[in-house]
Amino acid sequence: QVQLVESGGGLVQAGGSLRLSCVASGRIFSIGARGWYRQAPGKQRELVAFISSDGSTNYAVSVKDRFTISRDNAKNTVYLQMNSLKPEDTAVYYCNFVIGASIYWGQGTQVTVSS
């Protein structure tokens, strides 16, 4: 079994920063891509950023130049540094890992940005 545990969410004022972390544990053989998604109330879950196994990154247009995804392979961790936060960034943020032929999701962490 593989578990993903997220941390780092919270309440922040517009213009502030937060750093999300997601740690994978369990039977991990080979981690492929890692990503962050978010889901705001009444909206579909959307991709925020992902980092491929070769280290290349991709971002949603809405967060490009404000958010940075990174990873620590030794710690089976993926991070999302979020700067210049806006009220429209308010959502539950989920991480996911591709491990082998499976995709695993974290439980989600709430990020609330006040205006």
PDB file of N, CA and C in Angstrom:
ATOM      1  N   GLN A   1       0.827  -1.180   0.000  1.00  0.00           N
ATOM      2  CA  GLN A   1       0.000   0.000   0.000  1.00  0.00           C
ATOM      3  C   GLN A   1       0.873   1.246   0.000  1.00  0.00           C
ATOM      4  N   VAL A   2       0.382   2.278  -0.641  1.00  0.00           N
ATOM      5  CA  VAL A   2       1.070   3.561  -0.688  1.00  0.00           C
ATOM      6  C   VAL A   2       0.152   4.620  -0.101  1.00  0.00           C
ATOM      7  N   GLN A   3       0.725   5.464   0.722  1.00  0.00           N
ATOM      8  CA  GLN A   3      -0.032   6.579   1.291  1.00  0.00           C
ATOM      9  C   GLN A   3       0.665   7.890   0.972  1.00  0.00           C
ATOM     10  N   LEU A   4      -0.121   8.898   0.661  1.00  0.00           N
ATOM     11  CA  LEU A   4       0.387  10.245   0.451  1.00  0.00           C
ATOM     12  C   LEU A   4      -0.209  11.143   1.524  1.00  0.00           C
ATOM     13  N   VAL A   5       0.642  11.880   2.197  1.00  0.00           N
ATOM     14  CA  VAL A   5       0.192  12.768   3.262  1.00  0.00           C
ATOM     15  C   VAL A   5       0.639  14.187   2.944  1.00  0.00           C
ATOM     16  N   GLU A   6      -0.341  15.075   2.842  1.00  0.00           N
ATOM     17  CA  GLU A   6      -0.064  16.473   2.530  1.00  0.00           C
ATOM     18  C   GLU A   6      -0.024  17.299   3.811  1.00  0.00           C
ATOM     19  N   SER A   7       0.668  18.410   3.743  1.00  0.00           N
ATOM     20  CA  SER A   7       0.703  19.351   4.854  1.00  0.00           C
ATOM     21  C   SER A   7       1.037  20.734   4.298  1.00  0.00           C
ATOM     22  N   GLY A   8       0.802  21.744   5.130  1.00  0.00           N
ATOM     23  CA  GLY A   8       1.206  23.094   4.764  1.00  0.00           C
ATOM     24  C   GLY A   8       0.080  24.029   4.371  1.00  0.00           C
ATOM     25  N   GLY A   9      -1.136  23.521   4.284  1.00  0.00           N
ATOM     26  CA  GLY A   9      -2.245  24.398   3.944  1.00  0.00           C
ATOM     27  C   GLY A   9      -2.592  25.313   5.101  1.00  0.00           C
ATOM     28  N   GLY A  10      -3.501  26.248   4.833  1.00  0.00           N
ATOM     29  CA  GLY A  10      -3.920  27.152   5.886  1.00  0.00           C
ATOM     30  C   GLY A  10      -4.577  28.398   5.336  1.00  0.00           C
ATOM     31  N   LEU A  11      -4.704  29.377   6.207  1.00  0.00           N
ATOM     32  CA  LEU A  11      -5.316  30.658   5.864  1.00  0.00           C
ATOM     33  C   LEU A  11      -4.222  31.699   5.713  1.00  0.00           C
ATOM     34  N   VAL A  12      -4.265  32.441   4.625  1.00  0.00           N
ATOM     35  CA  VAL A  12      -3.260  33.458   4.368  1.00  0.00           C
ATOM     36  C   VAL A  12      -3.920  34.643   3.686  1.00  0.00           C
ATOM     37  N   GLN A  13      -3.366  35.811   3.895  1.00  0.00           N
ATOM     38  CA  GLN A  13      -3.888  36.997   3.221  1.00  0.00           C
ATOM     39  C   GLN A  13      -3.396  37.064   1.776  1.00  0.00           C
ATOM     40  N   ALA A  14      -4.158  37.741   0.953  1.00  0.00           N
ATOM     41  CA  ALA A  14      -3.754  37.926  -0.442  1.00  0.00           C
ATOM     42  C   ALA A  14      -2.355  38.543  -0.494  1.00  0.00           C
ATOM     43  N   GLY A  15      -1.541  38.027  -1.391  1.00  0.00           N
ATOM     44  CA  GLY A  15      -0.160  38.458  -1.504  1.00  0.00           C
ATOM     45  C   GLY A  15       0.819  37.641  -0.688  1.00  0.00           C
ATOM     46  N   GLY A  16       0.287  36.797   0.170  1.00  0.00           N
ATOM     47  CA  GLY A  16       1.131  35.984   1.023  1.00  0.00           C
ATOM     48  C   GLY A  16       1.617  34.717   0.336  1.00  0.00           C
ATOM     49  N   SER A  17       2.300  33.886   1.121  1.00  0.00           N
ATOM     50  CA  SER A  17       2.897  32.661   0.592  1.00  0.00           C
ATOM     51  C   SER A  17       2.577  31.470   1.487  1.00  0.00           C
ATOM     52  N   LEU A  18       2.558  30.315   0.871  1.00  0.00           N
ATOM     53  CA  LEU A  18       2.443  29.046   1.580  1.00  0.00           C
ATOM     54  C   LEU A  18       3.292  28.023   0.836  1.00  0.00           C
ATOM     55  N   ARG A  19       3.740  27.024   1.584  1.00  0.00           N
ATOM     56  CA  ARG A  19       4.474  25.922   0.977  1.00  0.00           C
ATOM     57  C   ARG A  19       3.785  24.630   1.350  1.00  0.00           C
ATOM     58  N   LEU A  20       3.325  23.907   0.362  1.00  0.00           N
ATOM     59  CA  LEU A  20       2.700  22.617   0.568  1.00  0.00           C
ATOM     60  C   LEU A  20       3.728  21.503   0.403  1.00  0.00           C
ATOM     61  N   SER A  21       3.555  20.462   1.198  1.00  0.00           N
ATOM     62  CA  SER A  21       4.417  19.281   1.096  1.00  0.00           C
ATOM     63  C   SER A  21       3.549  18.051   0.965  1.00  0.00           C
ATOM     64  N   CYS A  22       4.069  17.047   0.304  1.00  0.00           N
ATOM     65  CA  CYS A  22       3.360  15.771   0.154  1.00  0.00           C
ATOM     66  C   CYS A  22       4.405  14.666   0.205  1.00  0.00           C
ATOM     67  N   VAL A  23       4.253  13.785   1.187  1.00  0.00           N
ATOM     68  CA  VAL A  23       5.209  12.698   1.388  1.00  0.00           C
ATOM     69  C   VAL A  23       4.540  11.372   1.087  1.00  0.00           C
ATOM     70  N   ALA A  24       5.224  10.558   0.314  1.00  0.00           N
ATOM     71  CA  ALA A  24       4.731   9.225  -0.002  1.00  0.00           C
ATOM     72  C   ALA A  24       5.425   8.204   0.892  1.00  0.00           C
ATOM     73  N   SER A  25       4.644   7.225   1.367  1.00  0.00           N
ATOM     74  CA  SER A  25       5.208   6.157   2.188  1.00  0.00           C
ATOM     75  C   SER A  25       4.559   4.838   1.790  1.00  0.00           C
ATOM     76  N   GLY A  26       5.223   3.753   2.166  1.00  0.00           N
ATOM     77  CA  GLY A  26       4.683   2.443   1.851  1.00  0.00           C
ATOM     78  C   GLY A  26       5.548   1.709   0.840  1.00  0.00           C
ATOM     79  N   ARG A  27       4.916   0.872   0.040  1.00  0.00           N
ATOM     80  CA  ARG A  27       5.631   0.044  -0.944  1.00  0.00           C
ATOM     81  C   ARG A  27       5.868   0.875  -2.207  1.00  0.00           C
ATOM     82  N   ILE A  28       6.986   1.561  -2.192  1.00  0.00           N
ATOM     83  CA  ILE A  28       7.321   2.452  -3.300  1.00  0.00           C
ATOM     84  C   ILE A  28       8.492   1.878  -4.062  1.00  0.00           C
ATOM     85  N   PHE A  29       8.286   1.580  -5.328  1.00  0.00           N
ATOM     86  CA  PHE A  29       9.347   1.004  -6.131  1.00  0.00           C
ATOM     87  C   PHE A  29       9.948   2.035  -7.071  1.00  0.00           C
ATOM     88  N   SER A  30       9.085   2.709  -7.786  1.00  0.00           N
ATOM     89  CA  SER A  30       9.583   3.679  -8.763  1.00  0.00           C
ATOM     90  C   SER A  30       8.551   4.787  -8.909  1.00  0.00           C
ATOM     91  N   ILE A  31       8.944   5.986  -8.555  1.00  0.00           N
ATOM     92  CA  ILE A  31       8.032   7.127  -8.658  1.00  0.00           C
ATOM     93  C   ILE A  31       8.223   7.796 -10.003  1.00  0.00           C
ATOM     94  N   GLY A  32       7.136   7.992 -10.692  1.00  0.00           N
ATOM     95  CA  GLY A  32       7.190   8.706 -11.970  1.00  0.00           C
ATOM     96  C   GLY A  32       6.870  10.169 -11.736  1.00  0.00           C
ATOM     97  N   ALA A  33       5.879  10.658 -12.443  1.00  0.00           N
ATOM     98  CA  ALA A  33       5.503  12.059 -12.306  1.00  0.00           C
ATOM     99  C   ALA A  33       4.826  12.303 -10.959  1.00  0.00           C
ATOM    100  N   ARG A  34       4.921  13.551 -10.518  1.00  0.00           N
ATOM    101  CA  ARG A  34       4.237  13.985  -9.297  1.00  0.00           C
ATOM    102  C   ARG A  34       3.516  15.276  -9.633  1.00  0.00           C
ATOM    103  N   GLY A  35       2.358  15.453  -9.058  1.00  0.00           N
ATOM    104  CA  GLY A  35       1.594  16.639  -9.417  1.00  0.00           C
ATOM    105  C   GLY A  35       0.799  17.195  -8.264  1.00  0.00           C
ATOM    106  N   TRP A  36       0.383  18.430  -8.463  1.00  0.00           N
ATOM    107  CA  TRP A  36      -0.541  19.101  -7.541  1.00  0.00           C
ATOM    108  C   TRP A  36      -1.782  19.508  -8.332  1.00  0.00           C
ATOM    109  N   TYR A  37      -2.938  19.228  -7.746  1.00  0.00           N
ATOM    110  CA  TYR A  37      -4.223  19.610  -8.309  1.00  0.00           C
ATOM    111  C   TYR A  37      -4.971  20.408  -7.253  1.00  0.00           C
ATOM    112  N   ARG A  38      -6.017  21.082  -7.666  1.00  0.00           N
ATOM    113  CA  ARG A  38      -6.854  21.785  -6.702  1.00  0.00           C
ATOM    114  C   ARG A  38      -8.308  21.731  -7.142  1.00  0.00           C
ATOM    115  N   GLN A  39      -9.173  21.859  -6.141  1.00  0.00           N
ATOM    116  CA  GLN A  39     -10.600  21.858  -6.413  1.00  0.00           C
ATOM    117  C   GLN A  39     -11.269  22.902  -5.541  1.00  0.00           C
ATOM    118  N   ALA A  40     -11.841  23.891  -6.188  1.00  0.00           N
ATOM    119  CA  ALA A  40     -12.581  24.931  -5.482  1.00  0.00           C
ATOM    120  C   ALA A  40     -14.045  24.504  -5.391  1.00  0.00           C
ATOM    121  N   PRO A  41     -14.784  25.050  -4.437  1.00  0.00           N
ATOM    122  CA  PRO A  41     -16.194  24.683  -4.278  1.00  0.00           C
ATOM    123  C   PRO A  41     -16.975  24.903  -5.571  1.00  0.00           C
ATOM    124  N   GLY A  42     -17.720  23.875  -5.980  1.00  0.00           N
ATOM    125  CA  GLY A  42     -18.538  23.986  -7.168  1.00  0.00           C
ATOM    126  C   GLY A  42     -17.792  23.879  -8.480  1.00  0.00           C
ATOM    127  N   LYS A  43     -16.491  23.592  -8.411  1.00  0.00           N
ATOM    128  CA  LYS A  43     -15.690  23.503  -9.626  1.00  0.00           C
ATOM    129  C   LYS A  43     -15.045  22.129  -9.739  1.00  0.00           C
ATOM    130  N   GLN A  44     -14.599  21.821 -10.946  1.00  0.00           N
ATOM    131  CA  GLN A  44     -13.913  20.554 -11.157  1.00  0.00           C
ATOM    132  C   GLN A  44     -12.470  20.643 -10.671  1.00  0.00           C
ATOM    133  N   ARG A  45     -11.916  19.496 -10.354  1.00  0.00           N
ATOM    134  CA  ARG A  45     -10.517  19.444  -9.967  1.00  0.00           C
ATOM    135  C   ARG A  45      -9.669  19.814 -11.184  1.00  0.00           C
ATOM    136  N   GLU A  46      -8.658  20.650 -10.955  1.00  0.00           N
ATOM    137  CA  GLU A  46      -7.812  21.093 -12.052  1.00  0.00           C
ATOM    138  C   GLU A  46      -6.342  20.905 -11.718  1.00  0.00           C
ATOM    139  N   LEU A  47      -5.566  20.695 -12.766  1.00  0.00           N
ATOM    140  CA  LEU A  47      -4.127  20.562 -12.590  1.00  0.00           C
ATOM    141  C   LEU A  47      -3.516  21.923 -12.271  1.00  0.00           C
ATOM    142  N   VAL A  48      -2.662  21.951 -11.267  1.00  0.00           N
ATOM    143  CA  VAL A  48      -1.932  23.166 -10.915  1.00  0.00           C
ATOM    144  C   VAL A  48      -0.505  23.100 -11.466  1.00  0.00           C
ATOM    145  N   ALA A  49       0.164  22.000 -11.185  1.00  0.00           N
ATOM    146  CA  ALA A  49       1.548  21.847 -11.635  1.00  0.00           C
ATOM    147  C   ALA A  49       1.922  20.385 -11.560  1.00  0.00           C
ATOM    148  N   PHE A  50       2.865  19.976 -12.407  1.00  0.00           N
ATOM    149  CA  PHE A  50       3.419  18.640 -12.251  1.00  0.00           C
ATOM    150  C   PHE A  50       4.893  18.656 -12.617  1.00  0.00           C
ATOM    151  N   ILE A  51       5.588  17.662 -12.085  1.00  0.00           N
ATOM    152  CA  ILE A  51       7.007  17.497 -12.355  1.00  0.00           C
ATOM    153  C   ILE A  51       7.212  16.068 -12.822  1.00  0.00           C
ATOM    154  N   SER A  52       7.816  15.919 -13.990  1.00  0.00           N
ATOM    155  CA  SER A  52       8.009  14.606 -14.581  1.00  0.00           C
ATOM    156  C   SER A  52       9.186  13.891 -13.939  1.00  0.00           C
ATOM    157  N   SER A  53       9.332  12.635 -14.281  1.00  0.00           N
ATOM    158  CA  SER A  53      10.422  11.842 -13.720  1.00  0.00           C
ATOM    159  C   SER A  53      11.784  12.399 -14.136  1.00  0.00           C
ATOM    160  N   ASP A  54      11.834  13.094 -15.262  1.00  0.00           N
ATOM    161  CA  ASP A  54      13.103  13.672 -15.699  1.00  0.00           C
ATOM    162  C   ASP A  54      13.323  15.079 -15.142  1.00  0.00           C
ATOM    163  N   GLY A  55      12.394  15.541 -14.317  1.00  0.00           N
ATOM    164  CA  GLY A  55      12.543  16.842 -13.668  1.00  0.00           C
ATOM    165  C   GLY A  55      11.912  17.999 -14.401  1.00  0.00           C
ATOM    166  N   SER A  56      11.377  17.774 -15.571  1.00  0.00           N
ATOM    167  CA  SER A  56      10.720  18.857 -16.289  1.00  0.00           C
ATOM    168  C   SER A  56       9.406  19.207 -15.599  1.00  0.00           C
ATOM    169  N   THR A  57       9.036  20.469 -15.677  1.00  0.00           N
ATOM    170  CA  THR A  57       7.856  20.947 -14.968  1.00  0.00           C
ATOM    171  C   THR A  57       6.863  21.596 -15.920  1.00  0.00           C
ATOM    172  N   ASN A  58       5.621  21.642 -15.471  1.00  0.00           N
ATOM    173  CA  ASN A  58       4.574  22.286 -16.246  1.00  0.00           C
ATOM    174  C   ASN A  58       3.591  22.904 -15.263  1.00  0.00           C
ATOM    175  N   TYR A  59       3.039  24.069 -15.637  1.00  0.00           N
ATOM    176  CA  TYR A  59       2.162  24.805 -14.744  1.00  0.00           C
ATOM    177  C   TYR A  59       0.893  25.245 -15.460  1.00  0.00           C
ATOM    178  N   ALA A  60      -0.172  25.347 -14.689  1.00  0.00           N
ATOM    179  CA  ALA A  60      -1.370  25.990 -15.207  1.00  0.00           C
ATOM    180  C   ALA A  60      -1.055  27.457 -15.464  1.00  0.00           C
ATOM    181  N   VAL A  61      -1.685  28.017 -16.475  1.00  0.00           N
ATOM    182  CA  VAL A  61      -1.435  29.412 -16.829  1.00  0.00           C
ATOM    183  C   VAL A  61      -1.715  30.330 -15.643  1.00  0.00           C
ATOM    184  N   SER A  62      -2.740  29.997 -14.868  1.00  0.00           N
ATOM    185  CA  SER A  62      -3.171  30.863 -13.768  1.00  0.00           C
ATOM    186  C   SER A  62      -2.161  30.956 -12.628  1.00  0.00           C
ATOM    187  N   VAL A  63      -1.226  30.003 -12.560  1.00  0.00           N
ATOM    188  CA  VAL A  63      -0.264  30.012 -11.449  1.00  0.00           C
ATOM    189  C   VAL A  63       1.172  30.187 -11.916  1.00  0.00           C
ATOM    190  N   LYS A  64       1.378  30.190 -13.202  1.00  0.00           N
ATOM    191  CA  LYS A  64       2.732  30.297 -13.733  1.00  0.00           C
ATOM    192  C   LYS A  64       3.378  31.582 -13.234  1.00  0.00           C
ATOM    193  N   ASP A  65       4.625  31.481 -12.863  1.00  0.00           N
ATOM    194  CA  ASP A  65       5.430  32.592 -12.329  1.00  0.00           C
ATOM    195  C   ASP A  65       5.088  32.940 -10.885  1.00  0.00           C
ATOM    196  N   ARG A  66       4.103  32.272 -10.291  1.00  0.00           N
ATOM    197  CA  ARG A  66       3.793  32.474  -8.874  1.00  0.00           C
ATOM    198  C   ARG A  66       4.054  31.221  -8.059  1.00  0.00           C
ATOM    199  N   PHE A  67       3.818  30.053  -8.644  1.00  0.00           N
ATOM    200  CA  PHE A  67       3.981  28.781  -7.952  1.00  0.00           C
ATOM    201  C   PHE A  67       5.198  28.049  -8.506  1.00  0.00           C
ATOM    202  N   THR A  68       5.830  27.274  -7.637  1.00  0.00           N
ATOM    203  CA  THR A  68       6.967  26.459  -8.054  1.00  0.00           C
ATOM    204  C   THR A  68       6.835  25.063  -7.476  1.00  0.00           C
ATOM    205  N   ILE A  69       6.889  24.072  -8.342  1.00  0.00           N
ATOM    206  CA  ILE A  69       6.861  22.681  -7.893  1.00  0.00           C
ATOM    207  C   ILE A  69       8.290  22.159  -7.851  1.00  0.00           C
ATOM    208  N   SER A  70       8.575  21.375  -6.817  1.00  0.00           N
ATOM    209  CA  SER A  70       9.905  20.778  -6.705  1.00  0.00           C
ATOM    210  C   SER A  70       9.758  19.435  -6.007  1.00  0.00           C
ATOM    211  N   ARG A  71      10.838  18.696  -5.965  1.00  0.00           N
ATOM    212  CA  ARG A  71      10.774  17.358  -5.368  1.00  0.00           C
ATOM    213  C   ARG A  71      12.067  17.042  -4.647  1.00  0.00           C
ATOM    214  N   ASP A  72      11.954  16.087  -3.742  1.00  0.00           N
ATOM    215  CA  ASP A  72      13.124  15.526  -3.065  1.00  0.00           C
ATOM    216  C   ASP A  72      13.010  14.021  -3.221  1.00  0.00           C
ATOM    217  N   ASN A  73      13.784  13.470  -4.132  1.00  0.00           N
ATOM    218  CA  ASN A  73      13.661  12.035  -4.414  1.00  0.00           C
ATOM    219  C   ASN A  73      14.043  11.176  -3.211  1.00  0.00           C
ATOM    220  N   ALA A  74      15.013  11.611  -2.457  1.00  0.00           N
ATOM    221  CA  ALA A  74      15.449  10.833  -1.298  1.00  0.00           C
ATOM    222  C   ALA A  74      14.365  10.749  -0.234  1.00  0.00           C
ATOM    223  N   LYS A  75      13.492  11.752  -0.203  1.00  0.00           N
ATOM    224  CA  LYS A  75      12.436  11.784   0.817  1.00  0.00           C
ATOM    225  C   LYS A  75      11.066  11.432   0.240  1.00  0.00           C
ATOM    226  N   ASN A  76      11.014  11.033  -1.039  1.00  0.00           N
ATOM    227  CA  ASN A  76       9.733  10.706  -1.679  1.00  0.00           C
ATOM    228  C   ASN A  76       8.715  11.826  -1.482  1.00  0.00           C
ATOM    229  N   THR A  77       9.163  13.029  -1.718  1.00  0.00           N
ATOM    230  CA  THR A  77       8.356  14.207  -1.406  1.00  0.00           C
ATOM    231  C   THR A  77       8.239  15.122  -2.618  1.00  0.00           C
ATOM    232  N   VAL A  78       7.113  15.784  -2.691  1.00  0.00           N
ATOM    233  CA  VAL A  78       6.919  16.840  -3.676  1.00  0.00           C
ATOM    234  C   VAL A  78       6.427  18.077  -2.935  1.00  0.00           C
ATOM    235  N   TYR A  79       6.883  19.236  -3.379  1.00  0.00           N
ATOM    236  CA  TYR A  79       6.536  20.491  -2.739  1.00  0.00           C
ATOM    237  C   TYR A  79       5.833  21.411  -3.738  1.00  0.00           C
ATOM    238  N   LEU A  80       5.062  22.337  -3.199  1.00  0.00           N
ATOM    239  CA  LEU A  80       4.497  23.394  -4.022  1.00  0.00           C
ATOM    240  C   LEU A  80       4.670  24.698  -3.258  1.00  0.00           C
ATOM    241  N   GLN A  81       5.578  25.520  -3.736  1.00  0.00           N
ATOM    242  CA  GLN A  81       5.769  26.846  -3.169  1.00  0.00           C
ATOM    243  C   GLN A  81       4.812  27.797  -3.866  1.00  0.00           C
ATOM    244  N   MET A  82       3.965  28.441  -3.080  1.00  0.00           N
ATOM    245  CA  MET A  82       2.946  29.323  -3.629  1.00  0.00           C
ATOM    246  C   MET A  82       3.194  30.742  -3.135  1.00  0.00           C
ATOM    247  N   ASN A  83       3.496  31.627  -4.047  1.00  0.00           N
ATOM    248  CA  ASN A  83       3.742  33.024  -3.725  1.00  0.00           C
ATOM    249  C   ASN A  83       2.677  33.911  -4.363  1.00  0.00           C
ATOM    250  N   SER A  84       2.593  35.125  -3.879  1.00  0.00           N
ATOM    251  CA  SER A  84       1.634  36.106  -4.429  1.00  0.00           C
ATOM    252  C   SER A  84       0.239  35.498  -4.531  1.00  0.00           C
ATOM    253  N   LEU A  85      -0.190  34.888  -3.460  1.00  0.00           N
ATOM    254  CA  LEU A  85      -1.477  34.190  -3.479  1.00  0.00           C
ATOM    255  C   LEU A  85      -2.635  35.162  -3.670  1.00  0.00           C
ATOM    256  N   LYS A  86      -3.641  34.657  -4.362  1.00  0.00           N
ATOM    257  CA  LYS A  86      -4.845  35.445  -4.675  1.00  0.00           C
ATOM    258  C   LYS A  86      -6.068  34.731  -4.103  1.00  0.00           C
ATOM    259  N   PRO A  87      -7.138  35.478  -3.848  1.00  0.00           N
ATOM    260  CA  PRO A  87      -8.353  34.810  -3.343  1.00  0.00           C
ATOM    261  C   PRO A  87      -8.832  33.681  -4.260  1.00  0.00           C
ATOM    262  N   GLU A  88      -8.614  33.813  -5.546  1.00  0.00           N
ATOM    263  CA  GLU A  88      -9.051  32.758  -6.472  1.00  0.00           C
ATOM    264  C   GLU A  88      -8.196  31.499  -6.389  1.00  0.00           C
ATOM    265  N   ASP A  89      -7.126  31.525  -5.609  1.00  0.00           N
ATOM    266  CA  ASP A  89      -6.340  30.318  -5.363  1.00  0.00           C
ATOM    267  C   ASP A  89      -6.952  29.466  -4.251  1.00  0.00           C
ATOM    268  N   THR A  90      -7.983  29.977  -3.596  1.00  0.00           N
ATOM    269  CA  THR A  90      -8.642  29.233  -2.535  1.00  0.00           C
ATOM    270  C   THR A  90      -9.222  27.937  -3.071  1.00  0.00           C
ATOM    271  N   ALA A  91      -8.842  26.827  -2.450  1.00  0.00           N
ATOM    272  CA  ALA A  91      -9.274  25.505  -2.903  1.00  0.00           C
ATOM    273  C   ALA A  91      -8.702  24.447  -1.967  1.00  0.00           C
ATOM    274  N   VAL A  92      -9.151  23.234  -2.160  1.00  0.00           N
ATOM    275  CA  VAL A  92      -8.480  22.090  -1.549  1.00  0.00           C
ATOM    276  C   VAL A  92      -7.420  21.613  -2.544  1.00  0.00           C
ATOM    277  N   TYR A  93      -6.206  21.487  -2.065  1.00  0.00           N
ATOM    278  CA  TYR A  93      -5.081  21.089  -2.909  1.00  0.00           C
ATOM    279  C   TYR A  93      -4.749  19.625  -2.658  1.00  0.00           C
ATOM    280  N   TYR A  94      -4.599  18.885  -3.749  1.00  0.00           N
ATOM    281  CA  TYR A  94      -4.308  17.460  -3.688  1.00  0.00           C
ATOM    282  C   TYR A  94      -2.994  17.183  -4.420  1.00  0.00           C
ATOM    283  N   CYS A  95      -2.206  16.290  -3.846  1.00  0.00           N
ATOM    284  CA  CYS A  95      -1.021  15.836  -4.561  1.00  0.00           C
ATOM    285  C   CYS A  95      -1.325  14.477  -5.180  1.00  0.00           C
ATOM    286  N   ASN A  96      -0.592  14.143  -6.219  1.00  0.00           N
ATOM    287  CA  ASN A  96      -0.646  12.781  -6.722  1.00  0.00           C
ATOM    288  C   ASN A  96       0.699  12.327  -7.228  1.00  0.00           C
ATOM    289  N   PHE A  97       0.922  11.043  -7.105  1.00  0.00           N
ATOM    290  CA  PHE A  97       2.152  10.409  -7.544  1.00  0.00           C
ATOM    291  C   PHE A  97       1.791   9.284  -8.513  1.00  0.00           C
ATOM    292  N   VAL A  98       2.585   9.159  -9.547  1.00  0.00           N
ATOM    293  CA  VAL A  98       2.509   7.978 -10.400  1.00  0.00           C
ATOM    294  C   VAL A  98       3.585   7.022  -9.904  1.00  0.00           C
ATOM    295  N   ILE A  99       3.159   5.856  -9.429  1.00  0.00           N
ATOM    296  CA  ILE A  99       4.095   4.848  -8.897  1.00  0.00           C
ATOM    297  C   ILE A  99       3.796   3.555  -9.625  1.00  0.00           C
ATOM    298  N   GLY A 100       4.749   3.133 -10.433  1.00  0.00           N
ATOM    299  CA  GLY A 100       4.503   1.967 -11.265  1.00  0.00           C
ATOM    300  C   GLY A 100       3.397   2.277 -12.257  1.00  0.00           C
ATOM    301  N   ALA A 101       2.378   1.427 -12.273  1.00  0.00           N
ATOM    302  CA  ALA A 101       1.254   1.621 -13.187  1.00  0.00           C
ATOM    303  C   ALA A 101       0.053   2.253 -12.494  1.00  0.00           C
ATOM    304  N   SER A 102       0.249   2.722 -11.269  1.00  0.00           N
ATOM    305  CA  SER A 102      -0.866   3.245 -10.480  1.00  0.00           C
ATOM    306  C   SER A 102      -0.690   4.727 -10.178  1.00  0.00           C
ATOM    307  N   ILE A 103      -1.817   5.369  -9.910  1.00  0.00           N
ATOM    308  CA  ILE A 103      -1.832   6.776  -9.505  1.00  0.00           C
ATOM    309  C   ILE A 103      -2.409   6.849  -8.102  1.00  0.00           C
ATOM    310  N   TYR A 104      -1.701   7.541  -7.243  1.00  0.00           N
ATOM    311  CA  TYR A 104      -2.125   7.681  -5.845  1.00  0.00           C
ATOM    312  C   TYR A 104      -2.390   9.155  -5.543  1.00  0.00           C
ATOM    313  N   TRP A 105      -3.374   9.378  -4.673  1.00  0.00           N
ATOM    314  CA  TRP A 105      -3.772  10.723  -4.304  1.00  0.00           C
ATOM    315  C   TRP A 105      -3.649  10.937  -2.808  1.00  0.00           C
ATOM    316  N   GLY A 106      -3.333  12.159  -2.447  1.00  0.00           N
ATOM    317  CA  GLY A 106      -3.381  12.537  -1.050  1.00  0.00           C
ATOM    318  C   GLY A 106      -4.808  12.874  -0.649  1.00  0.00           C
ATOM    319  N   GLN A 107      -4.975  13.170   0.639  1.00  0.00           N
ATOM    320  CA  GLN A 107      -6.316  13.414   1.172  1.00  0.00           C
ATOM    321  C   GLN A 107      -6.774  14.854   0.949  1.00  0.00           C
ATOM    322  N   GLY A 108      -5.846  15.714   0.582  1.00  0.00           N
ATOM    323  CA  GLY A 108      -6.188  17.107   0.338  1.00  0.00           C
ATOM    324  C   GLY A 108      -5.865  17.995   1.518  1.00  0.00           C
ATOM    325  N   THR A 109      -5.474  19.213   1.226  1.00  0.00           N
ATOM    326  CA  THR A 109      -5.208  20.210   2.266  1.00  0.00           C
ATOM    327  C   THR A 109      -5.841  21.530   1.826  1.00  0.00           C
ATOM    328  N   GLN A 110      -6.526  22.168   2.757  1.00  0.00           N
ATOM    329  CA  GLN A 110      -7.264  23.380   2.429  1.00  0.00           C
ATOM    330  C   GLN A 110      -6.336  24.590   2.398  1.00  0.00           C
ATOM    331  N   VAL A 111      -6.460  25.367   1.338  1.00  0.00           N
ATOM    332  CA  VAL A 111      -5.768  26.644   1.229  1.00  0.00           C
ATOM    333  C   VAL A 111      -6.840  27.715   1.064  1.00  0.00           C
ATOM    334  N   THR A 112      -6.838  28.682   1.971  1.00  0.00           N
ATOM    335  CA  THR A 112      -7.802  29.766   1.923  1.00  0.00           C
ATOM    336  C   THR A 112      -7.050  31.091   1.875  1.00  0.00           C
ATOM    337  N   VAL A 113      -7.355  31.893   0.871  1.00  0.00           N
ATOM    338  CA  VAL A 113      -6.689  33.173   0.701  1.00  0.00           C
ATOM    339  C   VAL A 113      -7.738  34.271   0.887  1.00  0.00           C
ATOM    340  N   SER A 114      -7.524  35.100   1.884  1.00  0.00           N
ATOM    341  CA  SER A 114      -8.473  36.171   2.178  1.00  0.00           C
ATOM    342  C   SER A 114      -8.059  37.457   1.460  1.00  0.00           C
ATOM    343  N   SER A 115      -9.057  38.230   1.101  1.00  0.00           N
ATOM    344  CA  SER A 115      -8.778  39.481   0.365  1.00  0.00           C
ATOM    345  C   SER A 115      -8.575  40.648   1.307  1.00  0.00           C
TER     346      SER A 115
END
